[in-house]
PDB file of N, CA and C in Angstrom:
ATOM      1  N   MET A   1      -5.081  18.920 -13.296  1.00  0.00           N
ATOM      2  CA  MET A   1      -3.834  18.617 -13.767  1.00  0.00           C
ATOM      3  C   MET A   1      -4.307  17.556 -13.711  1.00  0.00           C
ATOM      4  N   ALA A   2      -4.155  16.311 -14.308  1.00  0.00           N
ATOM      5  CA  ALA A   2      -4.964  15.041 -14.163  1.00  0.00           C
ATOM      6  C   ALA A   2      -3.211  14.023 -13.006  1.00  0.00           C
ATOM      7  N   ILE A   3      -3.752  13.102 -12.541  1.00  0.00           N
ATOM      8  CA  ILE A   3      -2.713  12.774 -11.646  1.00  0.00           C
ATOM      9  C   ILE A   3      -1.580  13.299 -10.857  1.00  0.00           C
ATOM     10  N   LYS A   4      -1.515  14.334 -11.029  1.00  0.00           N
ATOM     11  CA  LYS A   4      -0.408  15.212 -10.182  1.00  0.00           C
ATOM     12  C   LYS A   4       0.447  15.330 -11.689  1.00  0.00           C
ATOM     13  N   GLY A   5       0.196  15.260 -12.278  1.00  0.00           N
ATOM     14  CA  GLY A   5       1.354  15.604 -13.463  1.00  0.00           C
ATOM     15  C   GLY A   5       1.977  14.187 -13.903  1.00  0.00           C
ATOM     16  N   TYR A   6       1.440  13.328 -13.400  1.00  0.00           N
ATOM     17  CA  TYR A   6       1.971  11.819 -13.880  1.00  0.00           C
ATOM     18  C   TYR A   6       1.609  11.165 -15.045  1.00  0.00           C
ATOM     19  N   ASP A   7       2.779  10.317 -15.539  1.00  0.00           N
ATOM     20  CA  ASP A   7       2.354   9.977 -16.985  1.00  0.00           C
ATOM     21  C   ASP A   7       1.518   8.702 -17.195  1.00  0.00           C
ATOM     22  N   SER A   8      -0.159   8.781 -17.278  1.00  0.00           N
ATOM     23  CA  SER A   8      -0.851   7.299 -17.460  1.00  0.00           C
ATOM     24  C   SER A   8      -0.751   6.268 -17.753  1.00  0.00           C
ATOM     25  N   VAL A   9      -0.595   6.712 -19.013  1.00  0.00           N
ATOM     26  CA  VAL A   9       0.338   5.578 -19.857  1.00  0.00           C
ATOM     27  C   VAL A   9       1.436   4.866 -19.442  1.00  0.00           C
ATOM     28  N   ALA A  10       2.756   5.362 -19.035  1.00  0.00           N
ATOM     29  CA  ALA A  10       3.411   4.518 -18.656  1.00  0.00           C
ATOM     30  C   ALA A  10       3.335   3.274 -17.862  1.00  0.00           C
ATOM     31  N   TYR A  11       2.458   3.574 -16.877  1.00  0.00           N
ATOM     32  CA  TYR A  11       2.182   2.121 -15.852  1.00  0.00           C
ATOM     33  C   TYR A  11       1.949   0.939 -17.166  1.00  0.00           C
ATOM     34  N   PHE A  12       1.220   1.569 -18.020  1.00  0.00           N
ATOM     35  CA  PHE A  12       0.912   0.130 -18.703  1.00  0.00           C
ATOM     36  C   PHE A  12       2.144  -0.191 -19.661  1.00  0.00           C
ATOM     37  N   THR A  13       3.091   0.840 -20.104  1.00  0.00           N
ATOM     38  CA  THR A  13       3.848   0.472 -21.078  1.00  0.00           C
ATOM     39  C   THR A  13       5.681   0.105 -20.174  1.00  0.00           C
ATOM     40  N   VAL A  14       5.424   0.730 -19.271  1.00  0.00           N
ATOM     41  CA  VAL A  14       6.561   0.463 -18.528  1.00  0.00           C
ATOM     42  C   VAL A  14       6.557  -0.210 -16.942  1.00  0.00           C
ATOM     43  N   GLY A  15       5.999  -0.298 -17.042  1.00  0.00           N
ATOM     44  CA  GLY A  15       4.914  -0.934 -15.230  1.00  0.00           C
ATOM     45  C   GLY A  15       5.204   0.489 -14.178  1.00  0.00           C
ATOM     46  N   LYS A  16       5.733   1.561 -14.179  1.00  0.00           N
ATOM     47  CA  LYS A  16       5.929   2.345 -13.590  1.00  0.00           C
ATOM     48  C   LYS A  16       5.518   3.566 -13.303  1.00  0.00           C
ATOM     49  N   ALA A  17       5.637   4.281 -11.834  1.00  0.00           N
ATOM     50  CA  ALA A  17       5.176   5.933 -11.635  1.00  0.00           C
ATOM     51  C   ALA A  17       5.982   6.814 -13.018  1.00  0.00           C
ATOM     52  N   LEU A  18       5.562   7.374 -13.403  1.00  0.00           N
ATOM     53  CA  LEU A  18       6.322   8.492 -14.010  1.00  0.00           C
ATOM     54  C   LEU A  18       6.428   9.843 -14.118  1.00  0.00           C
ATOM     55  N   LYS A  19       6.530  11.057 -13.520  1.00  0.00           N
ATOM     56  CA  LYS A  19       5.854  11.845 -14.164  1.00  0.00           C
ATOM     57  C   LYS A  19       6.060  12.542 -15.432  1.00  0.00           C
ATOM     58  N   GLY A  20       5.806  13.292 -16.012  1.00  0.00           N
ATOM     59  CA  GLY A  20       5.007  13.670 -16.736  1.00  0.00           C
ATOM     60  C   GLY A  20       5.648  14.797 -17.228  1.00  0.00           C
ATOM     61  N   GLU A  21       5.621  15.665 -18.590  1.00  0.00           N
ATOM     62  CA  GLU A  21       6.729  16.827 -18.885  1.00  0.00           C
ATOM     63  C   GLU A  21       5.483  17.241 -19.626  1.00  0.00           C
ATOM     64  N   GLU A  22       5.582  18.844 -19.246  1.00  0.00           N
ATOM     65  CA  GLU A  22       4.428  19.430 -19.967  1.00  0.00           C
ATOM     66  C   GLU A  22       4.655  19.528 -21.467  1.00  0.00           C
ATOM     67  N   GLN A  23       5.633  19.757 -22.385  1.00  0.00           N
ATOM     68  CA  GLN A  23       5.764  19.829 -23.799  1.00  0.00           C
ATOM     69  C   GLN A  23       4.924  18.639 -24.041  1.00  0.00           C
ATOM     70  N   TYR A  24       4.729  17.845 -23.252  1.00  0.00           N
ATOM     71  CA  TYR A  24       3.559  16.506 -23.899  1.00  0.00           C
ATOM     72  C   TYR A  24       2.539  16.572 -23.386  1.00  0.00           C
ATOM     73  N   ALA A  25       1.712  17.960 -22.982  1.00  0.00           N
ATOM     74  CA  ALA A  25       0.537  17.759 -22.815  1.00  0.00           C
ATOM     75  C   ALA A  25      -0.445  17.436 -23.300  1.00  0.00           C
ATOM     76  N   LEU A  26      -1.326  16.911 -22.565  1.00  0.00           N
ATOM     77  CA  LEU A  26      -2.985  17.025 -23.792  1.00  0.00           C
ATOM     78  C   LEU A  26      -4.266  16.698 -22.847  1.00  0.00           C
ATOM     79  N   SER A  27      -5.250  18.105 -22.974  1.00  0.00           N
ATOM     80  CA  SER A  27      -6.429  18.374 -22.432  1.00  0.00           C
ATOM     81  C   SER A  27      -7.707  17.014 -22.982  1.00  0.00           C
ATOM     82  N   TRP A  28      -7.937  16.096 -21.496  1.00  0.00           N
ATOM     83  CA  TRP A  28      -9.424  15.353 -21.821  1.00  0.00           C
ATOM     84  C   TRP A  28      -9.804  15.511 -20.663  1.00  0.00           C
ATOM     85  N   SER A  29     -11.366  15.343 -20.888  1.00  0.00           N
ATOM     86  CA  SER A  29     -12.202  15.310 -19.752  1.00  0.00           C
ATOM     87  C   SER A  29     -12.581  16.930 -18.651  1.00  0.00           C
ATOM     88  N   GLY A  30     -11.404  17.243 -18.605  1.00  0.00           N
ATOM     89  CA  GLY A  30     -11.604  18.784 -18.062  1.00  0.00           C
ATOM     90  C   GLY A  30     -10.383  18.348 -16.861  1.00  0.00           C
ATOM     91  N   MET A  31      -9.046  17.802 -18.371  1.00  0.00           N
ATOM     92  CA  MET A  31      -7.904  17.731 -17.211  1.00  0.00           C
ATOM     93  C   MET A  31      -7.202  18.116 -18.029  1.00  0.00           C
ATOM     94  N   VAL A  32      -5.649  18.762 -17.458  1.00  0.00           N
ATOM     95  CA  VAL A  32      -4.523  18.849 -18.331  1.00  0.00           C
ATOM     96  C   VAL A  32      -3.864  16.982 -17.807  1.00  0.00           C
ATOM     97  N   TRP A  33      -3.053  16.516 -18.920  1.00  0.00           N
ATOM     98  CA  TRP A  33      -2.751  15.148 -18.441  1.00  0.00           C
ATOM     99  C   TRP A  33      -1.304  15.716 -18.892  1.00  0.00           C
ATOM    100  N   TYR A  34      -0.072  15.216 -18.138  1.00  0.00           N
ATOM    101  CA  TYR A  34       1.332  14.822 -18.924  1.00  0.00           C
ATOM    102  C   TYR A  34       1.384  13.422 -18.845  1.00  0.00           C
ATOM    103  N   PHE A  35       2.485  13.778 -19.965  1.00  0.00           N
ATOM    104  CA  PHE A  35       3.348  12.197 -20.365  1.00  0.00           C
ATOM    105  C   PHE A  35       4.158  12.489 -20.404  1.00  0.00           C
ATOM    106  N   SER A  36       5.395  11.172 -20.636  1.00  0.00           N
ATOM    107  CA  SER A  36       6.423  11.434 -20.424  1.00  0.00           C
ATOM    108  C   SER A  36       7.365  11.535 -21.505  1.00  0.00           C
ATOM    109  N   ASN A  37       6.671  11.712 -23.280  1.00  0.00           N
ATOM    110  CA  ASN A  37       7.146  11.129 -24.215  1.00  0.00           C
ATOM    111  C   ASN A  37       6.080  11.580 -25.172  1.00  0.00           C
ATOM    112  N   LYS A  38       6.233  11.634 -26.627  1.00  0.00           N
ATOM    113  CA  LYS A  38       5.525  12.310 -27.680  1.00  0.00           C
ATOM    114  C   LYS A  38       4.312  10.568 -27.828  1.00  0.00           C
ATOM    115  N   GLU A  39       4.856   9.750 -27.698  1.00  0.00           N
ATOM    116  CA  GLU A  39       4.219   8.131 -28.083  1.00  0.00           C
ATOM    117  C   GLU A  39       3.580   7.833 -27.052  1.00  0.00           C
ATOM    118  N   ASN A  40       4.002   8.329 -25.583  1.00  0.00           N
ATOM    119  CA  ASN A  40       2.816   7.813 -24.505  1.00  0.00           C
ATOM    120  C   ASN A  40       1.848   9.057 -24.876  1.00  0.00           C
ATOM    121  N   ARG A  41       1.779  10.047 -25.445  1.00  0.00           N
ATOM    122  CA  ARG A  41       0.410  11.636 -25.267  1.00  0.00           C
ATOM    123  C   ARG A  41      -0.170  10.417 -26.837  1.00  0.00           C
ATOM    124  N   ASP A  42       0.198  10.314 -27.412  1.00  0.00           N
ATOM    125  CA  ASP A  42      -0.028   9.800 -29.178  1.00  0.00           C
ATOM    126  C   ASP A  42      -1.147   8.573 -28.608  1.00  0.00           C
ATOM    127  N   LEU A  43      -1.017   7.412 -27.868  1.00  0.00           N
ATOM    128  CA  LEU A  43      -1.317   6.404 -27.369  1.00  0.00           C
ATOM    129  C   LEU A  43      -2.492   6.787 -26.620  1.00  0.00           C
ATOM    130  N   PHE A  44      -2.359   8.133 -25.785  1.00  0.00           N
ATOM    131  CA  PHE A  44      -3.595   8.283 -24.672  1.00  0.00           C
ATOM    132  C   PHE A  44      -4.613   9.297 -25.821  1.00  0.00           C
ATOM    133  N   ALA A  45      -4.217   9.988 -26.119  1.00  0.00           N
ATOM    134  CA  ALA A  45      -5.091  10.425 -27.171  1.00  0.00           C
ATOM    135  C   ALA A  45      -6.038   9.567 -28.386  1.00  0.00           C
ATOM    136  N   LYS A  46      -5.423   8.475 -28.380  1.00  0.00           N
ATOM    137  CA  LYS A  46      -5.988   7.234 -29.393  1.00  0.00           C
ATOM    138  C   LYS A  46      -7.523   6.637 -28.396  1.00  0.00           C
ATOM    139  N   ASN A  47      -6.624   6.536 -27.363  1.00  0.00           N
ATOM    140  CA  ASN A  47      -7.843   5.855 -26.527  1.00  0.00           C
ATOM    141  C   ASN A  47      -8.016   6.195 -25.362  1.00  0.00           C
ATOM    142  N   PRO A  48      -8.625   7.467 -24.934  1.00  0.00           N
ATOM    143  CA  PRO A  48      -7.765   7.540 -23.004  1.00  0.00           C
ATOM    144  C   PRO A  48      -8.488   6.636 -22.210  1.00  0.00           C
ATOM    145  N   SER A  49      -9.642   6.283 -22.494  1.00  0.00           N
ATOM    146  CA  SER A  49     -10.539   5.739 -21.548  1.00  0.00           C
ATOM    147  C   SER A  49      -9.674   4.332 -21.178  1.00  0.00           C
ATOM    148  N   LYS A  50      -8.632   3.548 -22.424  1.00  0.00           N
ATOM    149  CA  LYS A  50      -7.872   2.275 -21.774  1.00  0.00           C
ATOM    150  C   LYS A  50      -6.653   3.022 -20.975  1.00  0.00           C
ATOM    151  N   TYR A  51      -6.249   4.334 -21.138  1.00  0.00           N
ATOM    152  CA  TYR A  51      -5.627   4.977 -19.659  1.00  0.00           C
ATOM    153  C   TYR A  51      -5.421   5.667 -18.835  1.00  0.00           C
ATOM    154  N   ALA A  52      -6.688   5.346 -18.480  1.00  0.00           N
ATOM    155  CA  ALA A  52      -7.060   7.323 -17.480  1.00  0.00           C
ATOM    156  C   ALA A  52      -7.133   6.124 -16.300  1.00  0.00           C
ATOM    157  N   PRO A  53      -6.636   6.641 -14.898  1.00  0.00           N
ATOM    158  CA  PRO A  53      -7.297   6.053 -14.266  1.00  0.00           C
ATOM    159  C   PRO A  53      -9.069   6.013 -13.929  1.00  0.00           C
ATOM    160  N   GLN A  54      -8.906   5.025 -13.470  1.00  0.00           N
ATOM    161  CA  GLN A  54     -10.485   4.280 -12.660  1.00  0.00           C
ATOM    162  C   GLN A  54     -11.175   5.492 -11.847  1.00  0.00           C
ATOM    163  N   TYR A  55     -12.131   5.718 -12.092  1.00  0.00           N
ATOM    164  CA  TYR A  55     -13.089   7.162 -10.498  1.00  0.00           C
ATOM    165  C   TYR A  55     -12.633   8.217 -11.040  1.00  0.00           C
ATOM    166  N   ASN A  56     -11.948   8.548 -12.487  1.00  0.00           N
ATOM    167  CA  ASN A  56     -11.094  10.107 -12.131  1.00  0.00           C
ATOM    168  C   ASN A  56      -9.744  10.148 -12.068  1.00  0.00           C
ATOM    169  N   GLY A  57      -9.138   8.967 -11.555  1.00  0.00           N
ATOM    170  CA  GLY A  57      -8.229   9.406 -10.014  1.00  0.00           C
ATOM    171  C   GLY A  57      -8.123   9.466  -9.044  1.00  0.00           C
ATOM    172  N   TYR A  58      -9.479   8.842  -8.363  1.00  0.00           N
ATOM    173  CA  TYR A  58      -9.865   9.251  -6.888  1.00  0.00           C
ATOM    174  C   TYR A  58      -9.420   7.699  -6.811  1.00  0.00           C
ATOM    175  N   CYS A  59      -9.328   7.802  -5.156  1.00  0.00           N
ATOM    176  CA  CYS A  59      -8.313   6.565  -4.631  1.00  0.00           C
ATOM    177  C   CYS A  59      -9.185   5.166  -4.810  1.00  0.00           C
ATOM    178  N   ALA A  60      -9.306   4.465  -5.361  1.00  0.00           N
ATOM    179  CA  ALA A  60      -9.858   2.655  -5.294  1.00  0.00           C
ATOM    180  C   ALA A  60     -10.317   2.541  -3.869  1.00  0.00           C
ATOM    181  N   TRP A  61      -9.863   2.437  -3.011  1.00  0.00           N
ATOM    182  CA  TRP A  61     -10.157   2.727  -1.770  1.00  0.00           C
ATOM    183  C   TRP A  61     -11.561   3.181  -0.931  1.00  0.00           C
ATOM    184  N   ALA A  62     -11.144   4.182  -1.311  1.00  0.00           N
ATOM    185  CA  ALA A  62     -12.314   5.380  -0.472  1.00  0.00           C
ATOM    186  C   ALA A  62     -13.507   5.692  -0.951  1.00  0.00           C
ATOM    187  N   MET A  63     -13.622   4.816  -2.754  1.00  0.00           N
ATOM    188  CA  MET A  63     -14.340   4.674  -3.377  1.00  0.00           C
ATOM    189  C   MET A  63     -15.547   3.645  -2.512  1.00  0.00           C
ATOM    190  N   THR A  64     -14.719   2.303  -2.475  1.00  0.00           N
ATOM    191  CA  THR A  64     -15.509   1.478  -1.459  1.00  0.00           C
ATOM    192  C   THR A  64     -16.465   2.074  -0.485  1.00  0.00           C
ATOM    193  N   GLU A  65     -15.587   3.512  -0.152  1.00  0.00           N
ATOM    194  CA  GLU A  65     -16.536   3.819   1.020  1.00  0.00           C
ATOM    195  C   GLU A  65     -17.856   5.491   0.380  1.00  0.00           C
ATOM    196  N   ALA A  66     -17.765   5.490  -0.905  1.00  0.00           N
ATOM    197  CA  ALA A  66     -18.298   6.449  -1.399  1.00  0.00           C
ATOM    198  C   ALA A  66     -18.051   7.718  -0.978  1.00  0.00           C
ATOM    199  N   ARG A  67     -16.409   7.925  -0.772  1.00  0.00           N
ATOM    200  CA  ARG A  67     -16.259   9.457  -0.852  1.00  0.00           C
ATOM    201  C   ARG A  67     -14.594   9.319  -1.865  1.00  0.00           C
ATOM    202  N   LYS A  68     -14.924  10.142  -2.543  1.00  0.00           N
ATOM    203  CA  LYS A  68     -13.239  10.839  -2.659  1.00  0.00           C
ATOM    204  C   LYS A  68     -11.959  11.279  -2.318  1.00  0.00           C
ATOM    205  N   ALA A  69     -10.970  10.812  -2.408  1.00  0.00           N
ATOM    206  CA  ALA A  69      -9.968  10.985  -1.540  1.00  0.00           C
ATOM    207  C   ALA A  69      -8.736  11.162  -2.746  1.00  0.00           C
ATOM    208  N   GLU A  70      -7.412  12.173  -2.770  1.00  0.00           N
ATOM    209  CA  GLU A  70      -6.795  12.585  -3.422  1.00  0.00           C
ATOM    210  C   GLU A  70      -5.958  11.335  -3.335  1.00  0.00           C
ATOM    211  N   THR A  71      -5.214  10.836  -4.821  1.00  0.00           N
ATOM    212  CA  THR A  71      -4.641   9.583  -4.654  1.00  0.00           C
ATOM    213  C   THR A  71      -2.703   9.967  -4.477  1.00  0.00           C
ATOM    214  N   ASP A  72      -2.360   9.589  -4.389  1.00  0.00           N
ATOM    215  CA  ASP A  72      -0.705   9.035  -4.571  1.00  0.00           C
ATOM    216  C   ASP A  72      -0.450   8.551  -5.683  1.00  0.00           C
ATOM    217  N   PRO A  73       0.491   8.857  -6.920  1.00  0.00           N
ATOM    218  CA  PRO A  73       0.648   8.446  -8.057  1.00  0.00           C
ATOM    219  C   PRO A  73       1.374   7.495  -7.868  1.00  0.00           C
ATOM    220  N   GLU A  74       1.834   7.435  -6.775  1.00  0.00           N
ATOM    221  CA  GLU A  74       2.937   5.833  -7.020  1.00  0.00           C
ATOM    222  C   GLU A  74       2.621   4.642  -6.320  1.00  0.00           C
ATOM    223  N   VAL A  75       1.105   5.007  -6.225  1.00  0.00           N
ATOM    224  CA  VAL A  75       0.666   3.998  -5.253  1.00  0.00           C
ATOM    225  C   VAL A  75      -0.806   3.640  -5.888  1.00  0.00           C
ATOM    226  N   TRP A  76      -0.249   2.099  -6.787  1.00  0.00           N
ATOM    227  CA  TRP A  76      -1.093   1.629  -8.098  1.00  0.00           C
ATOM    228  C   TRP A  76      -1.015   0.771  -8.238  1.00  0.00           C
ATOM    229  N   LYS A  77      -2.634  -0.274  -9.231  1.00  0.00           N
ATOM    230  CA  LYS A  77      -1.766  -1.266  -9.616  1.00  0.00           C
ATOM    231  C   LYS A  77      -3.243  -1.500 -10.315  1.00  0.00           C
ATOM    232  N   ILE A  78      -2.573  -2.047 -11.713  1.00  0.00           N
ATOM    233  CA  ILE A  78      -3.302  -2.575 -12.928  1.00  0.00           C
ATOM    234  C   ILE A  78      -4.080  -3.638 -12.642  1.00  0.00           C
ATOM    235  N   VAL A  79      -5.656  -4.152 -13.410  1.00  0.00           N
ATOM    236  CA  VAL A  79      -6.290  -5.290 -12.530  1.00  0.00           C
ATOM    237  C   VAL A  79      -7.230  -4.809 -13.787  1.00  0.00           C
ATOM    238  N   ASN A  80      -7.133  -5.885 -14.899  1.00  0.00           N
ATOM    239  CA  ASN A  80      -7.789  -6.839 -15.754  1.00  0.00           C
ATOM    240  C   ASN A  80      -8.057  -5.324 -17.325  1.00  0.00           C
ATOM    241  N   GLY A  81      -6.616  -4.774 -16.873  1.00  0.00           N
ATOM    242  CA  GLY A  81      -5.982  -4.294 -18.280  1.00  0.00           C
ATOM    243  C   GLY A  81      -6.853  -2.310 -17.843  1.00  0.00           C
ATOM    244  N   LYS A  82      -6.935  -2.047 -16.334  1.00  0.00           N
ATOM    245  CA  LYS A  82      -7.679  -1.166 -15.827  1.00  0.00           C
ATOM    246  C   LYS A  82      -6.682  -0.360 -15.003  1.00  0.00           C
ATOM    247  N   LEU A  83      -6.331   1.055 -14.865  1.00  0.00           N
ATOM    248  CA  LEU A  83      -5.199   1.501 -13.901  1.00  0.00           C
ATOM    249  C   LEU A  83      -6.729   2.172 -12.621  1.00  0.00           C
ATOM    250  N   TYR A  84      -5.503   1.831 -11.121  1.00  0.00           N
ATOM    251  CA  TYR A  84      -6.031   2.149 -10.348  1.00  0.00           C
ATOM    252  C   TYR A  84      -5.265   2.561  -8.585  1.00  0.00           C
ATOM    253  N   LEU A  85      -5.575   4.245  -8.680  1.00  0.00           N
ATOM    254  CA  LEU A  85      -4.286   4.481  -7.931  1.00  0.00           C
ATOM    255  C   LEU A  85      -5.292   4.367  -6.645  1.00  0.00           C
ATOM    256  N   ASN A  86      -4.150   4.532  -5.014  1.00  0.00           N
ATOM    257  CA  ASN A  86      -4.749   4.744  -4.249  1.00  0.00           C
ATOM    258  C   ASN A  86      -3.901   5.389  -3.402  1.00  0.00           C
ATOM    259  N   CYS A  87      -4.663   6.490  -2.039  1.00  0.00           N
ATOM    260  CA  CYS A  87      -4.064   7.584  -2.152  1.00  0.00           C
ATOM    261  C   CYS A  87      -3.260   7.599  -0.559  1.00  0.00           C
ATOM    262  N   SER A  88      -2.774   5.875  -0.753  1.00  0.00           N
ATOM    263  CA  SER A  88      -1.857   5.661   0.261  1.00  0.00           C
ATOM    264  C   SER A  88      -1.411   3.972   0.889  1.00  0.00           C
ATOM    265  N   LYS A  89      -0.241   3.756   0.578  1.00  0.00           N
ATOM    266  CA  LYS A  89       0.327   2.243   0.963  1.00  0.00           C
ATOM    267  C   LYS A  89      -1.120   1.596   1.855  1.00  0.00           C
ATOM    268  N   THR A  90      -1.377   2.504   3.207  1.00  0.00           N
ATOM    269  CA  THR A  90      -2.348   1.696   4.188  1.00  0.00           C
ATOM    270  C   THR A  90      -3.728   1.701   3.268  1.00  0.00           C
ATOM    271  N   ALA A  91      -4.190   2.600   2.836  1.00  0.00           N
ATOM    272  CA  ALA A  91      -5.365   1.987   2.013  1.00  0.00           C
ATOM    273  C   ALA A  91      -5.009   1.225   0.519  1.00  0.00           C
ATOM    274  N   TYR A  92      -4.120   1.009   0.224  1.00  0.00           N
ATOM    275  CA  TYR A  92      -4.135   0.363  -1.058  1.00  0.00           C
ATOM    276  C   TYR A  92      -3.933  -1.550  -0.666  1.00  0.00           C
ATOM    277  N   GLU A  93      -3.438  -1.730   0.500  1.00  0.00           N
ATOM    278  CA  GLU A  93      -2.950  -2.418   1.243  1.00  0.00           C
ATOM    279  C   GLU A  93      -4.706  -2.983   1.926  1.00  0.00           C
ATOM    280  N   LYS A  94      -5.574  -2.160   2.225  1.00  0.00           N
ATOM    281  CA  LYS A  94      -6.949  -2.637   2.749  1.00  0.00           C
ATOM    282  C   LYS A  94      -7.458  -3.125   1.379  1.00  0.00           C
ATOM    283  N   TRP A  95      -7.541  -2.454  -0.024  1.00  0.00           N
ATOM    284  CA  TRP A  95      -8.301  -2.729  -1.511  1.00  0.00           C
ATOM    285  C   TRP A  95      -7.613  -3.591  -1.674  1.00  0.00           C
ATOM    286  N   SER A  96      -6.424  -3.976  -1.162  1.00  0.00           N
ATOM    287  CA  SER A  96      -5.978  -5.274  -2.159  1.00  0.00           C
ATOM    288  C   SER A  96      -6.306  -6.820  -1.237  1.00  0.00           C
ATOM    289  N   SER A  97      -7.054  -6.762   0.409  1.00  0.00           N
ATOM    290  CA  SER A  97      -7.602  -7.845   0.886  1.00  0.00           C
ATOM    291  C   SER A  97      -8.764  -8.320  -0.350  1.00  0.00           C
ATOM    292  N   ASP A  98      -8.933  -7.942  -1.113  1.00  0.00           N
ATOM    293  CA  ASP A  98     -10.592  -8.102  -1.804  1.00  0.00           C
ATOM    294  C   ASP A  98     -10.440  -7.382  -2.795  1.00  0.00           C
ATOM    295  N   ILE A  99      -9.473  -7.617  -3.746  1.00  0.00           N
ATOM    296  CA  ILE A  99      -9.429  -6.644  -4.658  1.00  0.00           C
ATOM    297  C   ILE A  99     -11.153  -6.796  -5.811  1.00  0.00           C
ATOM    298  N   SER A 100     -11.513  -8.042  -6.515  1.00  0.00           N
ATOM    299  CA  SER A 100     -12.160  -7.910  -7.081  1.00  0.00           C
ATOM    300  C   SER A 100     -13.868  -7.303  -6.231  1.00  0.00           C
ATOM    301  N   GLY A 101     -13.563  -7.790  -4.636  1.00  0.00           N
ATOM    302  CA  GLY A 101     -14.907  -7.258  -4.079  1.00  0.00           C
ATOM    303  C   GLY A 101     -14.435  -5.805  -3.995  1.00  0.00           C
ATOM    304  N   ASN A 102     -13.479  -5.362  -3.348  1.00  0.00           N
ATOM    305  CA  ASN A 102     -13.543  -3.377  -3.737  1.00  0.00           C
ATOM    306  C   ASN A 102     -14.108  -2.881  -4.871  1.00  0.00           C
ATOM    307  N   ILE A 103     -13.586  -3.554  -6.089  1.00  0.00           N
ATOM    308  CA  ILE A 103     -13.597  -3.149  -7.462  1.00  0.00           C
ATOM    309  C   ILE A 103     -14.923  -2.835  -7.770  1.00  0.00           C
ATOM    310  N   LYS A 104     -16.064  -3.642  -7.247  1.00  0.00           N
ATOM    311  CA  LYS A 104     -17.428  -4.149  -7.628  1.00  0.00           C
ATOM    312  C   LYS A 104     -18.048  -3.198  -6.259  1.00  0.00           C
ATOM    313  N   LYS A 105     -17.983  -2.936  -5.270  1.00  0.00           N
ATOM    314  CA  LYS A 105     -18.483  -1.998  -4.271  1.00  0.00           C
ATOM    315  C   LYS A 105     -17.815  -0.450  -5.384  1.00  0.00           C
ATOM    316  N   ALA A 106     -16.743  -0.277  -5.804  1.00  0.00           N
ATOM    317  CA  ALA A 106     -15.858   0.972  -6.052  1.00  0.00           C
ATOM    318  C   ALA A 106     -16.886   1.013  -7.181  1.00  0.00           C
ATOM    319  N   ASP A 107     -17.065   0.420  -7.804  1.00  0.00           N
ATOM    320  CA  ASP A 107     -18.068   0.328  -9.234  1.00  0.00           C
ATOM    321  C   ASP A 107     -19.133   1.100  -8.799  1.00  0.00           C
ATOM    322  N   ARG A 108     -19.957   0.109  -8.065  1.00  0.00           N
ATOM    323  CA  ARG A 108     -21.566   0.783  -7.300  1.00  0.00           C
ATOM    324  C   ARG A 108     -21.474   2.240  -6.869  1.00  0.00           C
ATOM    325  N   ASN A 109     -20.254   2.655  -5.886  1.00  0.00           N
ATOM    326  CA  ASN A 109     -20.188   3.773  -5.590  1.00  0.00           C
ATOM    327  C   ASN A 109     -20.271   5.079  -6.668  1.00  0.00           C
ATOM    328  N   TRP A 110     -19.974   4.456  -7.590  1.00  0.00           N
ATOM    329  CA  TRP A 110     -18.438   6.104  -8.419  1.00  0.00           C
ATOM    330  C   TRP A 110     -20.311   5.786  -9.403  1.00  0.00           C
ATOM    331  N   LEU A 111     -20.588   4.458  -9.937  1.00  0.00           N
ATOM    332  CA  LEU A 111     -22.081   4.879 -10.741  1.00  0.00           C
ATOM    333  C   LEU A 111     -23.718   5.764  -9.808  1.00  0.00           C
ATOM    334  N   LYS A 112     -23.478   5.258  -8.458  1.00  0.00           N
ATOM    335  CA  LYS A 112     -24.276   6.052  -7.932  1.00  0.00           C
ATOM    336  C   LYS A 112     -24.336   7.149  -7.070  1.00  0.00           C
ATOM    337  N   TYR A 113     -22.910   7.634  -7.208  1.00  0.00           N
ATOM    338  CA  TYR A 113     -22.664   9.639  -6.737  1.00  0.00           C
ATOM    339  C   TYR A 113     -21.760   9.987  -7.102  1.00  0.00           C
ATOM    340  N   PHE A 114     -20.923   9.421  -8.494  1.00  0.00           N
ATOM    341  CA  PHE A 114     -20.265  10.184  -8.493  1.00  0.00           C
ATOM    342  C   PHE A 114     -20.294  10.396 -10.107  1.00  0.00           C
ATOM    343  N   ALA A 115     -20.157   9.302 -11.050  1.00  0.00           N
ATOM    344  CA  ALA A 115     -20.137   9.619 -12.508  1.00  0.00           C
ATOM    345  C   ALA A 115     -20.759  10.437 -13.005  1.00  0.00           C
ATOM    346  N   ASP A 116     -22.028  11.142 -12.642  1.00  0.00           N
ATOM    347  CA  ASP A 116     -22.535  12.507 -13.612  1.00  0.00           C
ATOM    348  C   ASP A 116     -22.639  12.845 -12.641  1.00  0.00           C
ATOM    349  N   LYS A 117     -21.545  13.902 -12.225  1.00  0.00           N
ATOM    350  CA  LYS A 117     -21.107  15.213 -10.898  1.00  0.00           C
ATOM    351  C   LYS A 117     -19.822  15.823 -11.725  1.00  0.00           C
TER     352      LYS A 117
END
């Protein structure tokens, strides 16, 4: 289950972490995604890469260290139209100290170690 059952579209549309519901589930990229309503499910279905979190939903801070860590769906930020999740508030604070630099580092690590695996 993607993002522990949270609605990835809701981060963009209502600016909140909302739990999805099984009745609005959709399979994409080897995972089941839950949404809080039909409209969000349909938005995701039309453009999943727009709404899916970066690094397959793994922690953005951990990815700067070239490692995967499960995330807390309540700890997040949208930067330049992309959703980033972190595993804890502490990780989020570290990541936030240099968001653009940390995104560049995490992007490199994702491509080098994890993107095709």
